[in-house]
Amino acid sequence: MRAVVFEQYGEPAEVRDLPDPRPADHGVVVRVEATGLCRSDWHGWQGHDPDITLPHVPGHELAGVVEAVGAGVTGWRPGDRVTVPFVCACGSCPACAAGDQQVCERQTQPGFTHWGSFAQYVALDHAEVNLVAIPDDLSCATAASLGCRFATAFRAVVQRGRVAAGEWVAVHGCGGVGLSAVMIAAASGARVVAVDVSPRALELARTFGAAHCVDAASTPDTAGAVRELTGGGAHLSLDALGSPVTCAASVHSLRRRGRHLQVGLLPSADGTTPVPMARAIGWELELLGSHGMAAHTYPPMLELVRSGVLRPDLLVTSTITLDETPAALAAMGTAPGSGVTVIDPWS
């Protein structure tokens, strides 16, 4: 198969011919029809994830067709159209038994714990608890975005954030996760303030339902701007980018007893990130993390997609080839982009 691989962190990746994967007894091999280029992939390439072993093939947002199944798999067969959460659960640990597969104690993650989907084929573990059937009328390009960014935003806003109609929601960072959160919050009846440095990202955010946009490139105090626009602060605020600046701005954007959701990864040299805890204590804020979404909780989201209430297809703003992927991956460090870029491994 052809795949994107890197030998050293931060060094240019390249496209090579590599051996086709084989399924584990409990797993499958999927022919990748589409895979998303996500900022988490950039973090992995930079060496921010301790699970990666070099050389490595990144990629964790995918959709495609089952090519081969392991001997122990009974619920799936070759030819099935599927996607998968970026957290592949074991199905048997206490967290999985409680239905919390997104925080599985023995989780695997394509593109991190093993070779991922920037390739023509990818192996996926524990297929019975992780695969999600793609509806016939949903394209693989759209389904690829569901496995990480859109599903992550859906669970963050709806399940962890407990968004309610009429609330103010602030979204800091309008890449794939942030724009998904804007769309989902607006569809839930919330009023959304989008914050980003990119005019194009803010334009898309307004298209997807943001009531107000704050240009962080020209607004020194974005949190103050959000508080002014919302008449005292957001009820719910998300850091969808993942930086000390956006994390702090999200917390300071809240009204008293508001809810901060950390969705973007926060890499740092010593593993710590400063958080405005004095504000959290004095204003009784909730500080929440959100980490993907379990496969068994996809049906309500898929029904909203099927009915047209949610339109993840509109988030896909570009499609590239495998050969274009190494440069696009490197560019995410300086220009995270807006919307979702999808890779077609067969073009």
C-alpha atoms as a PDB file:
ATOM      1  CA  MET A   1       0.000   0.000   0.000  1.00  0.00           C
ATOM      2  CA  ARG A   2       0.965   3.663  -0.359  1.00  0.00           C
ATOM      3  CA  ALA A   3       1.165   5.584   2.904  1.00  0.00           C
ATOM      4  CA  VAL A   4       2.554   8.748   4.495  1.00  0.00           C
ATOM      5  CA  VAL A   5       5.372   7.938   6.931  1.00  0.00           C
ATOM      6  CA  PHE A   6       7.850   9.908   9.032  1.00  0.00           C
ATOM      7  CA  GLU A   7      11.109   8.665  10.559  1.00  0.00           C
ATOM      8  CA  GLN A   8      11.818  11.543  12.970  1.00  0.00           C
ATOM      9  CA  TYR A   9       9.597  13.989  14.821  1.00  0.00           C
ATOM     10  CA  GLY A  10       9.258  17.281  13.037  1.00  0.00           C
ATOM     11  CA  GLU A  11      11.205  16.069  10.002  1.00  0.00           C
ATOM     12  CA  PRO A  12       9.486  15.941   6.595  1.00  0.00           C
ATOM     13  CA  ALA A  13       7.178  12.985   6.070  1.00  0.00           C
ATOM     14  CA  GLU A  14       7.086  11.190   2.733  1.00  0.00           C
ATOM     15  CA  VAL A  15       4.882   8.828   0.753  1.00  0.00           C
ATOM     16  CA  ARG A  16       6.215   5.261   0.489  1.00  0.00           C
ATOM     17  CA  ASP A  17       5.134   1.765  -0.430  1.00  0.00           C
ATOM     18  CA  LEU A  18       4.618  -0.197   2.797  1.00  0.00           C
ATOM     19  CA  PRO A  19       3.328  -3.703   3.599  1.00  0.00           C
ATOM     20  CA  ASP A  20      -0.443  -4.067   3.734  1.00  0.00           C
ATOM     21  CA  PRO A  21      -1.744  -4.532   7.309  1.00  0.00           C
ATOM     22  CA  ARG A  22      -3.409  -7.722   8.501  1.00  0.00           C
ATOM     23  CA  PRO A  23      -6.339  -7.857  10.913  1.00  0.00           C
ATOM     24  CA  ALA A  24      -5.975  -9.038  14.506  1.00  0.00           C
ATOM     25  CA  ASP A  25      -8.348 -11.812  15.560  1.00  0.00           C
ATOM     26  CA  HIS A  26     -10.643  -9.161  17.086  1.00  0.00           C
ATOM     27  CA  GLY A  27     -10.049  -6.549  14.400  1.00  0.00           C
ATOM     28  CA  VAL A  28     -10.511  -5.625  10.778  1.00  0.00           C
ATOM     29  CA  VAL A  29      -8.595  -4.024   7.959  1.00  0.00           C
ATOM     30  CA  VAL A  30     -10.391  -1.121   6.278  1.00  0.00           C
ATOM     31  CA  ARG A  31      -9.752   0.164   2.783  1.00  0.00           C
ATOM     32  CA  VAL A  32      -9.503   3.900   3.469  1.00  0.00           C
ATOM     33  CA  GLU A  33     -11.725   5.910   1.148  1.00  0.00           C
ATOM     34  CA  ALA A  34     -11.257   9.222   2.987  1.00  0.00           C
ATOM     35  CA  THR A  35      -9.279  10.423   5.985  1.00  0.00           C
ATOM     36  CA  GLY A  36      -9.178  13.813   7.653  1.00  0.00           C
ATOM     37  CA  LEU A  37      -6.097  15.956   8.228  1.00  0.00           C
ATOM     38  CA  CYS A  38      -6.416  16.971  11.884  1.00  0.00           C
ATOM     39  CA  ARG A  39      -4.332  19.147  14.195  1.00  0.00           C
ATOM     40  CA  SER A  40      -3.921  16.093  16.448  1.00  0.00           C
ATOM     41  CA  ASP A  41      -1.945  14.504  13.599  1.00  0.00           C
ATOM     42  CA  TRP A  42       0.346  17.541  13.633  1.00  0.00           C
ATOM     43  CA  HIS A  43       0.841  17.148  17.392  1.00  0.00           C
ATOM     44  CA  GLY A  44       1.817  13.513  16.835  1.00  0.00           C
ATOM     45  CA  TRP A  45       4.279  14.455  14.106  1.00  0.00           C
ATOM     46  CA  GLN A  46       5.822  17.027  16.448  1.00  0.00           C
ATOM     47  CA  GLY A  47       6.441  14.365  19.120  1.00  0.00           C
ATOM     48  CA  HIS A  48       3.760  15.508  21.575  1.00  0.00           C
ATOM     49  CA  ASP A  49       2.244  12.024  21.962  1.00  0.00           C
ATOM     50  CA  PRO A  50       4.192   9.441  24.016  1.00  0.00           C
ATOM     51  CA  ASP A  51       2.395   6.479  22.400  1.00  0.00           C
ATOM     52  CA  ILE A  52       4.002   6.926  18.978  1.00  0.00           C
ATOM     53  CA  THR A  53       6.847   4.624  17.947  1.00  0.00           C
ATOM     54  CA  LEU A  54       8.978   5.588  14.958  1.00  0.00           C
ATOM     55  CA  PRO A  55       8.791   5.119  12.027  1.00  0.00           C
ATOM     56  CA  HIS A  56       5.128   6.051  11.989  1.00  0.00           C
ATOM     57  CA  VAL A  57       2.082   6.473   9.745  1.00  0.00           C
ATOM     58  CA  PRO A  58      -0.302   9.147  11.118  1.00  0.00           C
ATOM     59  CA  GLY A  59      -4.046   9.531  10.548  1.00  0.00           C
ATOM     60  CA  HIS A  60      -7.023   8.801  12.812  1.00  0.00           C
ATOM     61  CA  GLU A  61     -10.143  10.274  11.157  1.00  0.00           C
ATOM     62  CA  LEU A  62     -11.301   7.807   8.551  1.00  0.00           C
ATOM     63  CA  ALA A  63     -14.089   6.183   6.644  1.00  0.00           C
ATOM     64  CA  GLY A  64     -13.970   3.343   4.196  1.00  0.00           C
ATOM     65  CA  VAL A  65     -14.900  -0.232   3.415  1.00  0.00           C
ATOM     66  CA  VAL A  66     -14.061  -3.347   5.416  1.00  0.00           C
ATOM     67  CA  GLU A  67     -11.457  -5.285   3.420  1.00  0.00           C
ATOM     68  CA  ALA A  68     -10.692  -8.192   5.779  1.00  0.00           C
ATOM     69  CA  VAL A  69     -11.952  -9.405   9.161  1.00  0.00           C
ATOM     70  CA  GLY A  70     -10.237 -11.291  11.976  1.00  0.00           C
ATOM     71  CA  ALA A  71     -11.241 -14.810  12.930  1.00  0.00           C
ATOM     72  CA  GLY A  72     -13.109 -13.627  16.030  1.00  0.00           C
ATOM     73  CA  VAL A  73     -15.210 -10.947  14.328  1.00  0.00           C
ATOM     74  CA  THR A  74     -18.838 -11.924  13.653  1.00  0.00           C
ATOM     75  CA  GLY A  75     -20.719  -8.629  13.333  1.00  0.00           C
ATOM     76  CA  TRP A  76     -18.897  -7.215  10.303  1.00  0.00           C
ATOM     77  CA  ARG A  77     -18.029  -8.501   6.869  1.00  0.00           C
ATOM     78  CA  PRO A  78     -15.973  -7.377   3.869  1.00  0.00           C
ATOM     79  CA  GLY A  79     -17.793  -4.693   1.927  1.00  0.00           C
ATOM     80  CA  ASP A  80     -19.380  -2.965   4.949  1.00  0.00           C
ATOM     81  CA  ARG A  81     -19.022   0.835   4.867  1.00  0.00           C
ATOM     82  CA  VAL A  82     -17.717   2.021   8.234  1.00  0.00           C
ATOM     83  CA  THR A  83     -16.167   4.764  10.277  1.00  0.00           C
ATOM     84  CA  VAL A  84     -14.648   4.537  13.743  1.00  0.00           C
ATOM     85  CA  PRO A  85     -14.045   6.799  16.767  1.00  0.00           C
ATOM     86  CA  PHE A  86     -10.448   7.926  17.149  1.00  0.00           C
ATOM     87  CA  VAL A  87     -10.431   6.097  20.503  1.00  0.00           C
ATOM     88  CA  CYS A  88     -10.726   2.365  19.856  1.00  0.00           C
ATOM     89  CA  ALA A  89     -11.899   0.739  23.066  1.00  0.00           C
ATOM     90  CA  CYS A  90     -11.056  -2.722  24.413  1.00  0.00           C
ATOM     91  CA  GLY A  91     -14.683  -3.422  25.343  1.00  0.00           C
ATOM     92  CA  SER A  92     -13.860  -5.213  28.606  1.00  0.00           C
ATOM     93  CA  CYS A  93     -12.244  -2.799  31.104  1.00  0.00           C
ATOM     94  CA  PRO A  94     -14.309  -1.108  33.875  1.00  0.00           C
ATOM     95  CA  ALA A  95     -14.632   2.109  31.850  1.00  0.00           C
ATOM     96  CA  CYS A  96     -15.976   0.181  28.848  1.00  0.00           C
ATOM     97  CA  ALA A  97     -18.337  -1.801  31.075  1.00  0.00           C
ATOM     98  CA  ALA A  98     -19.750   1.517  32.251  1.00  0.00           C
ATOM     99  CA  GLY A  99     -20.295   2.622  28.643  1.00  0.00           C
ATOM    100  CA  ASP A 100     -17.412   5.096  28.717  1.00  0.00           C
ATOM    101  CA  GLN A 101     -15.402   3.684  25.834  1.00  0.00           C
ATOM    102  CA  GLN A 102     -14.020   7.142  25.023  1.00  0.00           C
ATOM    103  CA  VAL A 103     -11.844   6.874  28.163  1.00  0.00           C
ATOM    104  CA  CYS A 104     -11.089   3.134  27.849  1.00  0.00           C
ATOM    105  CA  GLU A 105      -8.249   2.061  30.128  1.00  0.00           C
ATOM    106  CA  ARG A 106      -6.642  -0.024  27.356  1.00  0.00           C
ATOM    107  CA  GLN A 107      -7.572   2.101  24.377  1.00  0.00           C
ATOM    108  CA  THR A 108      -5.775   2.048  21.059  1.00  0.00           C
ATOM    109  CA  GLN A 109      -5.748   4.916  18.608  1.00  0.00           C
ATOM    110  CA  PRO A 110      -4.970   4.554  14.908  1.00  0.00           C
ATOM    111  CA  GLY A 111      -2.325   7.079  13.998  1.00  0.00           C
ATOM    112  CA  PHE A 112      -0.940   7.115  17.544  1.00  0.00           C
ATOM    113  CA  THR A 113      -0.642   3.719  19.247  1.00  0.00           C
ATOM    114  CA  HIS A 114      -0.244   2.057  15.849  1.00  0.00           C
ATOM    115  CA  TRP A 115      -0.064   2.983  12.174  1.00  0.00           C
ATOM    116  CA  GLY A 116      -2.973   5.103  11.037  1.00  0.00           C
ATOM    117  CA  SER A 117      -5.105   6.087   8.083  1.00  0.00           C
ATOM    118  CA  PHE A 118      -2.832   8.298   5.956  1.00  0.00           C
ATOM    119  CA  ALA A 119      -2.650   5.155   3.893  1.00  0.00           C
ATOM    120  CA  GLN A 120      -4.676   3.029   1.540  1.00  0.00           C
ATOM    121  CA  TYR A 121      -5.413   0.468   4.267  1.00  0.00           C
ATOM    122  CA  VAL A 122      -5.554   0.614   8.070  1.00  0.00           C
ATOM    123  CA  ALA A 123      -5.934  -2.028  10.788  1.00  0.00           C
ATOM    124  CA  LEU A 124      -8.512  -1.348  13.517  1.00  0.00           C
ATOM    125  CA  ASP A 125      -8.806  -3.160  16.847  1.00  0.00           C
ATOM    126  CA  HIS A 126     -11.817  -4.663  18.648  1.00  0.00           C
ATOM    127  CA  ALA A 127     -14.155  -4.186  15.716  1.00  0.00           C
ATOM    128  CA  GLU A 128     -17.283  -5.340  17.538  1.00  0.00           C
ATOM    129  CA  VAL A 129     -17.230  -2.369  19.936  1.00  0.00           C
ATOM    130  CA  ASN A 130     -15.666   0.267  17.692  1.00  0.00           C
ATOM    131  CA  LEU A 131     -16.979   0.161  14.136  1.00  0.00           C
ATOM    132  CA  VAL A 132     -19.876   2.412  13.175  1.00  0.00           C
ATOM    133  CA  ALA A 133     -21.937   1.693  10.051  1.00  0.00           C
ATOM    134  CA  ILE A 134     -22.097   4.584   7.580  1.00  0.00           C
ATOM    135  CA  PRO A 135     -25.623   5.315   6.288  1.00  0.00           C
ATOM    136  CA  ASP A 136     -25.998   4.707   2.559  1.00  0.00           C
ATOM    137  CA  ASP A 137     -26.639   8.381   1.821  1.00  0.00           C
ATOM    138  CA  LEU A 138     -23.554   9.622   3.711  1.00  0.00           C
ATOM    139  CA  SER A 139     -20.352  10.042   1.706  1.00  0.00           C
ATOM    140  CA  CYS A 140     -17.059   8.698   3.031  1.00  0.00           C
ATOM    141  CA  ALA A 141     -15.588  12.210   2.880  1.00  0.00           C
ATOM    142  CA  THR A 142     -18.296  13.443   5.262  1.00  0.00           C
ATOM    143  CA  ALA A 143     -18.145  10.339   7.454  1.00  0.00           C
ATOM    144  CA  ALA A 144     -14.385  10.717   7.886  1.00  0.00           C
ATOM    145  CA  SER A 145     -14.886  13.966   9.801  1.00  0.00           C
ATOM    146  CA  LEU A 146     -17.290  12.305  12.244  1.00  0.00           C
ATOM    147  CA  GLY A 147     -14.691  10.047  13.858  1.00  0.00           C
ATOM    148  CA  CYS A 148     -12.781  12.838  15.562  1.00  0.00           C
ATOM    149  CA  ARG A 149     -13.668  16.469  15.067  1.00  0.00           C
ATOM    150  CA  PHE A 150     -17.443  16.416  14.601  1.00  0.00           C
ATOM    151  CA  ALA A 151     -18.129  13.598  17.061  1.00  0.00           C
ATOM    152  CA  THR A 152     -15.771  15.189  19.580  1.00  0.00           C
ATOM    153  CA  ALA A 153     -17.579  18.522  19.224  1.00  0.00           C
ATOM    154  CA  PHE A 154     -21.005  16.869  19.430  1.00  0.00           C
ATOM    155  CA  ARG A 155     -20.239  15.100  22.690  1.00  0.00           C
ATOM    156  CA  ALA A 156     -18.473  18.164  24.094  1.00  0.00           C
ATOM    157  CA  VAL A 157     -21.324  20.563  23.374  1.00  0.00           C
ATOM    158  CA  VAL A 158     -24.339  18.301  23.890  1.00  0.00           C
ATOM    159  CA  GLN A 159     -23.292  15.687  26.434  1.00  0.00           C
ATOM    160  CA  ARG A 160     -20.432  17.196  28.465  1.00  0.00           C
ATOM    161  CA  GLY A 161     -21.352  20.852  28.027  1.00  0.00           C
ATOM    162  CA  ARG A 162     -25.105  20.308  28.515  1.00  0.00           C
ATOM    163  CA  VAL A 163     -25.921  23.109  26.089  1.00  0.00           C
ATOM    164  CA  ALA A 164     -29.428  24.534  26.357  1.00  0.00           C
ATOM    165  CA  ALA A 165     -31.484  26.640  23.970  1.00  0.00           C
ATOM    166  CA  GLY A 166     -31.023  30.342  24.623  1.00  0.00           C
ATOM    167  CA  GLU A 167     -27.619  29.998  26.269  1.00  0.00           C
ATOM    168  CA  TRP A 168     -24.546  31.870  25.092  1.00  0.00           C
ATOM    169  CA  VAL A 169     -21.738  29.627  23.838  1.00  0.00           C
ATOM    170  CA  ALA A 170     -18.231  30.902  23.065  1.00  0.00           C
ATOM    171  CA  VAL A 171     -15.984  28.878  20.746  1.00  0.00           C
ATOM    172  CA  HIS A 172     -12.285  29.732  20.811  1.00  0.00           C
ATOM    173  CA  GLY A 173     -10.575  28.422  17.667  1.00  0.00           C
ATOM    174  CA  CYS A 174     -12.589  27.763  14.521  1.00  0.00           C
ATOM    175  CA  GLY A 175     -10.794  24.906  12.849  1.00  0.00           C
ATOM    176  CA  GLY A 176     -12.580  21.605  12.289  1.00  0.00           C
ATOM    177  CA  VAL A 177     -13.551  21.035  15.939  1.00  0.00           C
ATOM    178  CA  GLY A 178     -14.490  24.655  16.529  1.00  0.00           C
ATOM    179  CA  LEU A 179     -16.637  25.020  13.422  1.00  0.00           C
ATOM    180  CA  SER A 180     -18.346  21.739  14.282  1.00  0.00           C
ATOM    181  CA  ALA A 181     -19.055  23.100  17.758  1.00  0.00           C
ATOM    182  CA  VAL A 182     -20.469  26.319  16.285  1.00  0.00           C
ATOM    183  CA  MET A 183     -22.816  24.354  14.030  1.00  0.00           C
ATOM    184  CA  ILE A 184     -23.929  21.964  16.785  1.00  0.00           C
ATOM    185  CA  ALA A 185     -24.469  24.683  19.396  1.00  0.00           C
ATOM    186  CA  ALA A 186     -26.441  26.846  16.956  1.00  0.00           C
ATOM    187  CA  ALA A 187     -28.576  23.846  15.918  1.00  0.00           C
ATOM    188  CA  SER A 188     -29.278  23.278  19.628  1.00  0.00           C
ATOM    189  CA  GLY A 189     -30.758  26.765  19.908  1.00  0.00           C
ATOM    190  CA  ALA A 190     -27.760  28.431  21.569  1.00  0.00           C
ATOM    191  CA  ARG A 191     -26.369  31.834  20.624  1.00  0.00           C
ATOM    192  CA  VAL A 192     -22.744  31.458  19.561  1.00  0.00           C
ATOM    193  CA  VAL A 193     -19.757  33.784  19.681  1.00  0.00           C
ATOM    194  CA  ALA A 194     -16.887  32.523  17.490  1.00  0.00           C
ATOM    195  CA  VAL A 195     -13.292  33.597  18.167  1.00  0.00           C
ATOM    196  CA  ASP A 196     -10.411  33.120  15.741  1.00  0.00           C
ATOM    197  CA  VAL A 197      -7.495  34.930  14.084  1.00  0.00           C
ATOM    198  CA  SER A 198      -8.556  33.929  10.566  1.00  0.00           C
ATOM    199  CA  PRO A 199     -11.133  36.007   8.660  1.00  0.00           C
ATOM    200  CA  ARG A 200     -11.975  32.945   6.555  1.00  0.00           C
ATOM    201  CA  ALA A 201     -12.620  30.830   9.659  1.00  0.00           C
ATOM    202  CA  LEU A 202     -14.860  33.528  11.109  1.00  0.00           C
ATOM    203  CA  GLU A 203     -16.724  33.807   7.817  1.00  0.00           C
ATOM    204  CA  LEU A 204     -17.427  30.076   7.939  1.00  0.00           C
ATOM    205  CA  ALA A 205     -18.441  30.316  11.595  1.00  0.00           C
ATOM    206  CA  ARG A 206     -21.013  32.969  10.727  1.00  0.00           C
ATOM    207  CA  THR A 207     -22.288  30.767   7.889  1.00  0.00           C
ATOM    208  CA  PHE A 208     -22.701  27.876  10.325  1.00  0.00           C
ATOM    209  CA  GLY A 209     -24.745  29.921  12.795  1.00  0.00           C
ATOM    210  CA  ALA A 210     -22.477  32.157  14.890  1.00  0.00           C
ATOM    211  CA  ALA A 211     -24.353  35.242  16.073  1.00  0.00           C
ATOM    212  CA  HIS A 212     -21.139  37.196  16.657  1.00  0.00           C
ATOM    213  CA  CYS A 213     -17.514  36.830  15.615  1.00  0.00           C
ATOM    214  CA  VAL A 214     -14.419  38.149  17.418  1.00  0.00           C
ATOM    215  CA  ASP A 215     -11.224  38.645  15.414  1.00  0.00           C
ATOM    216  CA  ALA A 216      -8.521  37.606  17.865  1.00  0.00           C
ATOM    217  CA  ALA A 217      -5.823  39.054  15.605  1.00  0.00           C
ATOM    218  CA  SER A 218      -7.091  42.588  16.206  1.00  0.00           C
ATOM    219  CA  THR A 219      -8.765  42.187  19.609  1.00  0.00           C
ATOM    220  CA  PRO A 220      -6.247  42.129  22.500  1.00  0.00           C
ATOM    221  CA  ASP A 221      -8.850  41.087  25.097  1.00  0.00           C
ATOM    222  CA  THR A 222     -10.990  38.446  23.412  1.00  0.00           C
ATOM    223  CA  ALA A 223     -12.496  37.315  26.713  1.00  0.00           C
ATOM    224  CA  GLY A 224     -13.611  40.868  27.451  1.00  0.00           C
ATOM    225  CA  ALA A 225     -15.138  41.112  23.993  1.00  0.00           C
ATOM    226  CA  VAL A 226     -17.099  37.889  24.582  1.00  0.00           C
ATOM    227  CA  ARG A 227     -18.343  39.110  27.965  1.00  0.00           C
ATOM    228  CA  GLU A 228     -19.503  42.379  26.414  1.00  0.00           C
ATOM    229  CA  LEU A 229     -21.276  40.695  23.494  1.00  0.00           C
ATOM    230  CA  THR A 230     -23.056  38.229  25.788  1.00  0.00           C
ATOM    231  CA  GLY A 231     -24.084  40.684  28.487  1.00  0.00           C
ATOM    232  CA  GLY A 232     -21.853  39.291  31.218  1.00  0.00           C
ATOM    233  CA  GLY A 233     -20.229  36.187  29.802  1.00  0.00           C
ATOM    234  CA  ALA A 234     -20.942  32.893  28.094  1.00  0.00           C
ATOM    235  CA  HIS A 235     -22.783  30.102  29.852  1.00  0.00           C
ATOM    236  CA  LEU A 236     -20.543  27.591  28.065  1.00  0.00           C
ATOM    237  CA  SER A 237     -17.120  28.219  26.513  1.00  0.00           C
ATOM    238  CA  LEU A 238     -14.899  25.825  24.559  1.00  0.00           C
ATOM    239  CA  ASP A 239     -11.191  25.960  23.875  1.00  0.00           C
ATOM    240  CA  ALA A 240     -11.287  24.098  20.581  1.00  0.00           C
ATOM    241  CA  LEU A 241      -7.717  24.995  19.598  1.00  0.00           C
ATOM    242  CA  GLY A 242      -5.587  24.066  22.582  1.00  0.00           C
ATOM    243  CA  SER A 243      -3.108  26.716  23.749  1.00  0.00           C
ATOM    244  CA  PRO A 244      -2.442  28.488  27.048  1.00  0.00           C
ATOM    245  CA  VAL A 245      -3.836  31.695  25.530  1.00  0.00           C
ATOM    246  CA  THR A 246      -7.103  30.186  24.263  1.00  0.00           C
ATOM    247  CA  CYS A 247      -7.571  28.109  27.426  1.00  0.00           C
ATOM    248  CA  ALA A 248      -7.278  31.186  29.637  1.00  0.00           C
ATOM    249  CA  ALA A 249      -9.468  33.253  27.313  1.00  0.00           C
ATOM    250  CA  SER A 250     -12.161  30.583  27.407  1.00  0.00           C
ATOM    251  CA  VAL A 251     -12.234  30.538  31.207  1.00  0.00           C
ATOM    252  CA  HIS A 252     -12.306  34.347  31.395  1.00  0.00           C
ATOM    253  CA  SER A 253     -15.121  34.448  28.797  1.00  0.00           C
ATOM    254  CA  LEU A 254     -17.563  32.832  31.214  1.00  0.00           C
ATOM    255  CA  ARG A 255     -20.212  34.352  33.406  1.00  0.00           C
ATOM    256  CA  ARG A 256     -20.487  33.285  37.028  1.00  0.00           C
ATOM    257  CA  ARG A 257     -21.110  29.531  37.382  1.00  0.00           C
ATOM    258  CA  GLY A 258     -20.326  29.029  33.706  1.00  0.00           C
ATOM    259  CA  ARG A 259     -18.845  25.902  32.163  1.00  0.00           C
ATOM    260  CA  HIS A 260     -15.426  25.707  30.471  1.00  0.00           C
ATOM    261  CA  LEU A 261     -14.761  22.779  28.139  1.00  0.00           C
ATOM    262  CA  GLN A 262     -11.194  21.895  27.182  1.00  0.00           C
ATOM    263  CA  VAL A 263     -11.301  20.065  23.861  1.00  0.00           C
ATOM    264  CA  GLY A 264      -8.070  21.118  22.125  1.00  0.00           C
ATOM    265  CA  LEU A 265      -4.899  19.345  23.225  1.00  0.00           C
ATOM    266  CA  LEU A 266      -2.552  21.376  25.415  1.00  0.00           C
ATOM    267  CA  PRO A 267       1.027  20.185  24.870  1.00  0.00           C
ATOM    268  CA  SER A 268       3.757  21.764  26.954  1.00  0.00           C
ATOM    269  CA  ALA A 269       7.364  20.973  27.825  1.00  0.00           C
ATOM    270  CA  ASP A 270       6.586  19.983  31.431  1.00  0.00           C
ATOM    271  CA  GLY A 271       3.091  18.613  30.868  1.00  0.00           C
ATOM    272  CA  THR A 272       1.349  21.490  32.640  1.00  0.00           C
ATOM    273  CA  THR A 273      -0.782  24.407  31.453  1.00  0.00           C
ATOM    274  CA  PRO A 274      -1.628  27.475  33.541  1.00  0.00           C
ATOM    275  CA  VAL A 275      -5.379  27.745  34.158  1.00  0.00           C
ATOM    276  CA  PRO A 276      -7.038  30.754  35.873  1.00  0.00           C
ATOM    277  CA  MET A 277      -8.048  28.817  38.990  1.00  0.00           C
ATOM    278  CA  ALA A 278      -8.712  31.951  41.048  1.00  0.00           C
ATOM    279  CA  ARG A 279     -11.520  32.834  38.625  1.00  0.00           C
ATOM    280  CA  ALA A 280     -12.758  29.235  38.675  1.00  0.00           C
ATOM    281  CA  ILE A 281     -12.989  29.288  42.472  1.00  0.00           C
ATOM    282  CA  GLY A 282     -14.411  32.768  42.914  1.00  0.00           C
ATOM    283  CA  TRP A 283     -17.042  32.374  40.224  1.00  0.00           C
ATOM    284  CA  GLU A 284     -17.756  28.660  40.869  1.00  0.00           C
ATOM    285  CA  LEU A 285     -16.926  27.681  37.311  1.00  0.00           C
ATOM    286  CA  GLU A 286     -16.989  24.127  36.006  1.00  0.00           C
ATOM    287  CA  LEU A 287     -13.789  23.033  34.253  1.00  0.00           C
ATOM    288  CA  LEU A 288     -14.478  20.017  32.044  1.00  0.00           C
ATOM    289  CA  GLY A 289     -12.497  17.875  29.652  1.00  0.00           C
ATOM    290  CA  SER A 290     -13.984  16.065  26.684  1.00  0.00           C
ATOM    291  CA  HIS A 291     -12.277  13.212  24.837  1.00  0.00           C
ATOM    292  CA  GLY A 292     -14.044  11.905  21.763  1.00  0.00           C
ATOM    293  CA  MET A 293     -17.253   9.886  21.696  1.00  0.00           C
ATOM    294  CA  ALA A 294     -17.993   6.181  22.093  1.00  0.00           C
ATOM    295  CA  ALA A 295     -19.229   4.267  19.047  1.00  0.00           C
ATOM    296  CA  HIS A 296     -22.467   3.191  20.752  1.00  0.00           C
ATOM    297  CA  THR A 297     -23.501   6.850  21.210  1.00  0.00           C
ATOM    298  CA  TYR A 298     -23.281   7.749  17.492  1.00  0.00           C
ATOM    299  CA  PRO A 299     -26.920   6.997  16.480  1.00  0.00           C
ATOM    300  CA  PRO A 300     -28.514  10.259  17.770  1.00  0.00           C
ATOM    301  CA  MET A 301     -25.829  12.297  16.017  1.00  0.00           C
ATOM    302  CA  LEU A 302     -26.182  10.284  12.814  1.00  0.00           C
ATOM    303  CA  GLU A 303     -29.954  10.785  12.868  1.00  0.00           C
ATOM    304  CA  LEU A 304     -29.484  14.564  13.078  1.00  0.00           C
ATOM    305  CA  VAL A 305     -27.062  14.321  10.146  1.00  0.00           C
ATOM    306  CA  ARG A 306     -29.449  12.122   8.168  1.00  0.00           C
ATOM    307  CA  SER A 307     -32.343  14.513   8.749  1.00  0.00           C
ATOM    308  CA  GLY A 308     -30.281  17.527   7.665  1.00  0.00           C
ATOM    309  CA  VAL A 309     -30.347  19.285  11.043  1.00  0.00           C
ATOM    310  CA  LEU A 310     -26.558  18.948  11.143  1.00  0.00           C
ATOM    311  CA  ARG A 311     -24.481  19.335   7.968  1.00  0.00           C
ATOM    312  CA  PRO A 312     -20.928  18.061   8.536  1.00  0.00           C
ATOM    313  CA  ASP A 313     -20.514  17.859   4.762  1.00  0.00           C
ATOM    314  CA  LEU A 314     -20.358  21.663   4.688  1.00  0.00           C
ATOM    315  CA  LEU A 315     -17.274  21.574   6.910  1.00  0.00           C
ATOM    316  CA  VAL A 316     -15.192  19.827   4.233  1.00  0.00           C
ATOM    317  CA  THR A 317     -13.428  22.707   2.510  1.00  0.00           C
ATOM    318  CA  SER A 318     -10.718  20.886   0.543  1.00  0.00           C
ATOM    319  CA  THR A 319      -9.641  17.447  -0.667  1.00  0.00           C
ATOM    320  CA  ILE A 320      -5.995  16.524  -1.251  1.00  0.00           C
ATOM    321  CA  THR A 321      -3.970  13.501  -2.355  1.00  0.00           C
ATOM    322  CA  LEU A 322      -1.517  11.424  -0.344  1.00  0.00           C
ATOM    323  CA  ASP A 323       1.321  13.111  -2.210  1.00  0.00           C
ATOM    324  CA  GLU A 324       0.100  16.521  -1.022  1.00  0.00           C
ATOM    325  CA  THR A 325      -0.306  15.382   2.582  1.00  0.00           C
ATOM    326  CA  PRO A 326       3.256  15.771   3.964  1.00  0.00           C
ATOM    327  CA  ALA A 327       3.363  19.463   3.078  1.00  0.00           C
ATOM    328  CA  ALA A 328      -0.181  20.018   4.349  1.00  0.00           C
ATOM    329  CA  LEU A 329       0.690  18.303   7.644  1.00  0.00           C
ATOM    330  CA  ALA A 330       3.742  20.511   8.147  1.00  0.00           C
ATOM    331  CA  ALA A 331       1.764  23.658   7.316  1.00  0.00           C
ATOM    332  CA  MET A 332      -0.644  23.071  10.207  1.00  0.00           C
ATOM    333  CA  GLY A 333       1.977  24.401  12.623  1.00  0.00           C
ATOM    334  CA  THR A 334       1.806  27.912  11.212  1.00  0.00           C
ATOM    335  CA  ALA A 335      -1.559  27.925   9.433  1.00  0.00           C
ATOM    336  CA  PRO A 336      -4.061  25.540  11.103  1.00  0.00           C
ATOM    337  CA  GLY A 337      -6.587  26.402   8.398  1.00  0.00           C
ATOM    338  CA  SER A 338     -10.345  26.550   8.455  1.00  0.00           C
ATOM    339  CA  GLY A 339     -12.811  23.781   7.879  1.00  0.00           C
ATOM    340  CA  VAL A 340     -11.834  20.167   7.276  1.00  0.00           C
ATOM    341  CA  THR A 341      -9.256  18.938   4.784  1.00  0.00           C
ATOM    342  CA  VAL A 342      -9.905  15.388   3.576  1.00  0.00           C
ATOM    343  CA  ILE A 343      -7.281  13.103   2.039  1.00  0.00           C
ATOM    344  CA  ASP A 344      -8.210  10.723  -0.781  1.00  0.00           C
ATOM    345  CA  PRO A 345      -5.597   7.933  -0.579  1.00  0.00           C
ATOM    346  CA  TRP A 346      -6.471   6.577  -4.009  1.00  0.00           C
ATOM    347  CA  SER A 347      -6.257   9.754  -6.095  1.00  0.00           C
END
